[in-house]
N, C-alpha and C. Protein backbone atom coordinates (compact mmCIF):
# COMPACT_ATOMS: atom_id res chain seq x y z
N UNK A 1 -32.07 16.86 9.59
CA UNK A 1 -32.33 16.08 10.80
C UNK A 1 -32.95 17.00 11.88
N UNK A 2 -33.96 16.47 12.56
CA UNK A 2 -34.65 17.27 13.60
C UNK A 2 -33.71 17.35 14.81
N UNK A 3 -33.54 18.53 15.37
CA UNK A 3 -32.74 18.73 16.55
C UNK A 3 -33.64 18.58 17.81
N UNK A 4 -33.05 17.97 18.84
CA UNK A 4 -33.69 17.84 20.11
C UNK A 4 -33.26 18.98 21.04
N UNK A 5 -34.18 19.78 21.48
CA UNK A 5 -33.88 20.93 22.29
C UNK A 5 -34.49 20.73 23.68
N UNK A 6 -33.72 21.00 24.73
CA UNK A 6 -34.19 20.91 26.10
C UNK A 6 -34.21 22.33 26.66
N UNK A 7 -35.41 22.80 27.08
CA UNK A 7 -35.55 24.08 27.69
C UNK A 7 -35.79 23.84 29.21
N UNK A 8 -34.98 24.47 30.08
CA UNK A 8 -35.13 24.24 31.48
C UNK A 8 -35.25 25.61 32.13
N UNK A 9 -36.28 25.75 32.92
CA UNK A 9 -36.45 27.06 33.58
C UNK A 9 -37.31 26.91 34.82
N UNK A 10 -37.33 27.97 35.58
CA UNK A 10 -38.08 27.96 36.85
C UNK A 10 -39.59 28.15 36.70
N UNK A 11 -40.02 28.83 35.61
CA UNK A 11 -41.39 29.07 35.46
C UNK A 11 -41.97 28.36 34.25
N UNK A 12 -42.98 27.54 34.49
CA UNK A 12 -43.61 26.75 33.40
C UNK A 12 -44.19 27.63 32.33
N UNK A 13 -44.76 28.72 32.67
CA UNK A 13 -45.41 29.58 31.68
C UNK A 13 -44.40 30.15 30.68
N UNK A 14 -43.22 30.44 31.14
CA UNK A 14 -42.19 30.97 30.25
C UNK A 14 -41.72 29.85 29.31
N UNK A 15 -41.63 28.64 29.84
CA UNK A 15 -41.29 27.50 29.01
C UNK A 15 -42.37 27.22 27.95
N UNK A 16 -43.60 27.30 28.31
CA UNK A 16 -44.69 27.10 27.39
C UNK A 16 -44.71 28.13 26.28
N UNK A 17 -44.48 29.37 26.64
CA UNK A 17 -44.38 30.41 25.64
C UNK A 17 -43.24 30.17 24.66
N UNK A 18 -42.08 29.81 25.19
CA UNK A 18 -40.89 29.55 24.36
C UNK A 18 -41.13 28.35 23.44
N UNK A 19 -41.72 27.32 24.00
CA UNK A 19 -42.04 26.09 23.20
C UNK A 19 -42.97 26.42 22.06
N UNK A 20 -44.00 27.25 22.33
CA UNK A 20 -44.97 27.57 21.30
C UNK A 20 -44.34 28.43 20.20
N UNK A 21 -43.36 29.27 20.53
CA UNK A 21 -42.67 30.06 19.55
C UNK A 21 -41.77 29.26 18.64
N UNK A 22 -41.30 28.14 19.17
CA UNK A 22 -40.34 27.31 18.40
C UNK A 22 -40.96 26.11 17.67
N UNK A 23 -42.21 25.87 17.97
CA UNK A 23 -42.86 24.62 17.51
C UNK A 23 -42.95 24.37 16.04
N UNK A 24 -42.98 25.48 15.25
CA UNK A 24 -43.02 25.35 13.80
C UNK A 24 -41.72 25.05 13.12
N UNK A 25 -40.65 25.09 13.86
CA UNK A 25 -39.31 24.93 13.33
C UNK A 25 -38.99 23.41 13.43
N UNK A 26 -37.89 23.00 12.85
CA UNK A 26 -37.50 21.60 12.87
C UNK A 26 -36.77 21.22 14.14
N UNK A 27 -37.48 21.46 15.28
CA UNK A 27 -37.00 21.10 16.54
C UNK A 27 -38.00 20.19 17.25
N UNK A 28 -37.55 19.28 18.07
CA UNK A 28 -38.36 18.60 19.03
C UNK A 28 -38.03 19.19 20.38
N UNK A 29 -39.02 19.83 21.00
CA UNK A 29 -38.78 20.65 22.17
C UNK A 29 -39.21 19.88 23.38
N UNK A 30 -38.34 19.76 24.38
CA UNK A 30 -38.62 19.19 25.68
C UNK A 30 -38.45 20.27 26.77
N UNK A 31 -39.24 20.20 27.79
CA UNK A 31 -39.15 21.26 28.82
C UNK A 31 -39.16 20.63 30.23
N UNK A 32 -38.65 21.39 31.17
CA UNK A 32 -38.68 20.98 32.55
C UNK A 32 -38.45 22.22 33.47
N UNK A 33 -39.09 22.18 34.61
CA UNK A 33 -38.96 23.32 35.52
C UNK A 33 -38.09 22.92 36.76
N UNK A 34 -37.71 21.66 36.80
CA UNK A 34 -36.83 21.17 37.87
C UNK A 34 -36.12 19.88 37.45
N UNK A 35 -35.22 19.38 38.24
CA UNK A 35 -34.46 18.23 37.90
C UNK A 35 -35.38 17.02 37.73
N UNK A 36 -36.34 16.86 38.57
CA UNK A 36 -37.21 15.65 38.48
C UNK A 36 -37.97 15.63 37.18
N UNK A 37 -38.25 16.74 36.58
CA UNK A 37 -38.94 16.81 35.26
C UNK A 37 -38.01 16.51 34.11
N UNK A 38 -36.74 16.74 34.33
CA UNK A 38 -35.74 16.58 33.28
C UNK A 38 -35.28 15.11 33.14
N UNK A 39 -35.21 14.35 34.24
CA UNK A 39 -34.72 13.00 34.15
C UNK A 39 -35.48 12.13 33.17
N UNK A 40 -36.83 12.23 33.13
CA UNK A 40 -37.52 11.38 32.13
C UNK A 40 -37.15 11.73 30.70
N UNK A 41 -36.84 12.99 30.40
CA UNK A 41 -36.43 13.37 29.11
C UNK A 41 -35.15 12.65 28.74
N UNK A 42 -34.19 12.56 29.65
CA UNK A 42 -32.97 11.85 29.44
C UNK A 42 -33.23 10.38 29.17
N UNK A 43 -34.22 9.79 29.84
CA UNK A 43 -34.53 8.40 29.71
C UNK A 43 -35.15 8.08 28.33
N UNK A 44 -35.94 9.02 27.73
CA UNK A 44 -36.60 8.74 26.50
C UNK A 44 -35.90 9.26 25.24
N UNK A 45 -35.00 10.17 25.40
CA UNK A 45 -34.33 10.79 24.24
C UNK A 45 -32.90 10.38 24.20
N UNK A 46 -32.48 9.84 23.06
CA UNK A 46 -31.14 9.34 22.87
C UNK A 46 -30.12 10.47 22.82
N UNK A 47 -30.51 11.59 22.22
CA UNK A 47 -29.53 12.66 21.95
C UNK A 47 -30.21 14.04 22.19
N UNK A 48 -29.64 14.85 23.02
CA UNK A 48 -30.07 16.22 23.19
C UNK A 48 -29.07 17.10 22.49
N UNK A 49 -29.48 17.90 21.53
CA UNK A 49 -28.52 18.70 20.76
C UNK A 49 -28.22 20.05 21.44
N UNK A 50 -29.23 20.66 22.03
CA UNK A 50 -29.04 21.96 22.66
C UNK A 50 -29.80 22.00 23.96
N UNK A 51 -29.23 22.61 24.98
CA UNK A 51 -29.85 22.82 26.26
C UNK A 51 -29.84 24.33 26.58
N UNK A 52 -30.98 24.86 26.89
CA UNK A 52 -31.09 26.28 27.30
C UNK A 52 -31.60 26.23 28.70
N UNK A 53 -30.96 26.86 29.62
CA UNK A 53 -31.26 26.79 31.05
C UNK A 53 -31.28 28.16 31.63
N UNK A 54 -32.36 28.47 32.35
CA UNK A 54 -32.47 29.76 33.05
C UNK A 54 -31.65 29.74 34.34
N UNK A 55 -31.41 30.93 34.85
CA UNK A 55 -30.58 31.06 36.03
C UNK A 55 -31.43 30.91 37.32
N UNK A 56 -32.76 30.77 37.18
CA UNK A 56 -33.59 30.67 38.39
C UNK A 56 -33.49 29.34 39.11
N UNK A 57 -32.93 28.35 38.46
CA UNK A 57 -32.69 27.06 39.08
C UNK A 57 -31.38 27.12 39.88
N UNK A 58 -31.35 26.57 41.04
CA UNK A 58 -30.17 26.68 41.90
C UNK A 58 -28.91 26.10 41.19
N UNK A 59 -27.80 26.60 41.57
CA UNK A 59 -26.52 26.23 40.87
C UNK A 59 -26.28 24.69 41.00
N UNK A 60 -26.51 24.11 42.13
CA UNK A 60 -26.20 22.71 42.30
C UNK A 60 -27.08 21.87 41.36
N UNK A 61 -28.31 22.22 41.28
CA UNK A 61 -29.28 21.49 40.34
C UNK A 61 -28.85 21.71 38.88
N UNK A 62 -28.45 22.93 38.53
CA UNK A 62 -28.04 23.14 37.16
C UNK A 62 -26.78 22.34 36.84
N UNK A 63 -25.85 22.28 37.79
CA UNK A 63 -24.64 21.47 37.53
C UNK A 63 -24.98 19.99 37.38
N UNK A 64 -25.99 19.47 38.15
CA UNK A 64 -26.39 18.09 37.98
C UNK A 64 -26.93 17.84 36.56
N UNK A 65 -27.73 18.77 36.06
CA UNK A 65 -28.28 18.68 34.72
C UNK A 65 -27.17 18.72 33.66
N UNK A 66 -26.29 19.72 33.78
CA UNK A 66 -25.18 19.83 32.84
C UNK A 66 -24.32 18.58 32.83
N UNK A 67 -24.02 18.10 33.99
CA UNK A 67 -23.21 16.84 34.06
C UNK A 67 -23.91 15.69 33.32
N UNK A 68 -25.20 15.50 33.57
CA UNK A 68 -25.90 14.39 32.95
C UNK A 68 -25.93 14.59 31.41
N UNK A 69 -26.12 15.81 30.92
CA UNK A 69 -26.15 16.07 29.49
C UNK A 69 -24.77 15.73 28.93
N UNK A 70 -23.73 16.20 29.53
CA UNK A 70 -22.36 15.94 28.97
C UNK A 70 -21.92 14.49 29.06
N UNK A 71 -22.42 13.77 30.04
CA UNK A 71 -22.13 12.36 30.15
C UNK A 71 -22.74 11.59 28.94
N UNK A 72 -23.95 12.05 28.59
CA UNK A 72 -24.66 11.42 27.47
C UNK A 72 -24.07 11.84 26.11
N UNK A 73 -23.56 13.01 25.98
CA UNK A 73 -22.98 13.43 24.69
C UNK A 73 -22.03 14.58 24.90
N UNK A 74 -20.85 14.48 24.43
CA UNK A 74 -19.89 15.55 24.44
C UNK A 74 -20.12 16.60 23.38
N UNK A 75 -21.17 16.41 22.54
CA UNK A 75 -21.41 17.33 21.47
C UNK A 75 -22.57 18.26 21.72
N UNK A 76 -23.20 18.13 22.88
CA UNK A 76 -24.40 18.93 23.20
C UNK A 76 -23.96 20.38 23.51
N UNK A 77 -24.68 21.33 23.01
CA UNK A 77 -24.42 22.73 23.29
C UNK A 77 -25.26 23.17 24.43
N UNK A 78 -24.70 23.60 25.51
CA UNK A 78 -25.39 24.04 26.69
C UNK A 78 -25.26 25.51 26.85
């Protein structure tokens, strides 16, 4: 089964590099540099398996994202 991975970070170029490194694996990669870019991912994807988040995003915003992920699935690895 293909895993859905969400990469969240402050710099788009870092996310692009990470996404390109992972693209040949059995992952569907979604990215976002802020909360507004992440909400559409939640709307279109039923299950997020893993979330990787950089520390460059403010704590309050990171907590919003973590809360939303956990509300959708108690099995997601953050």
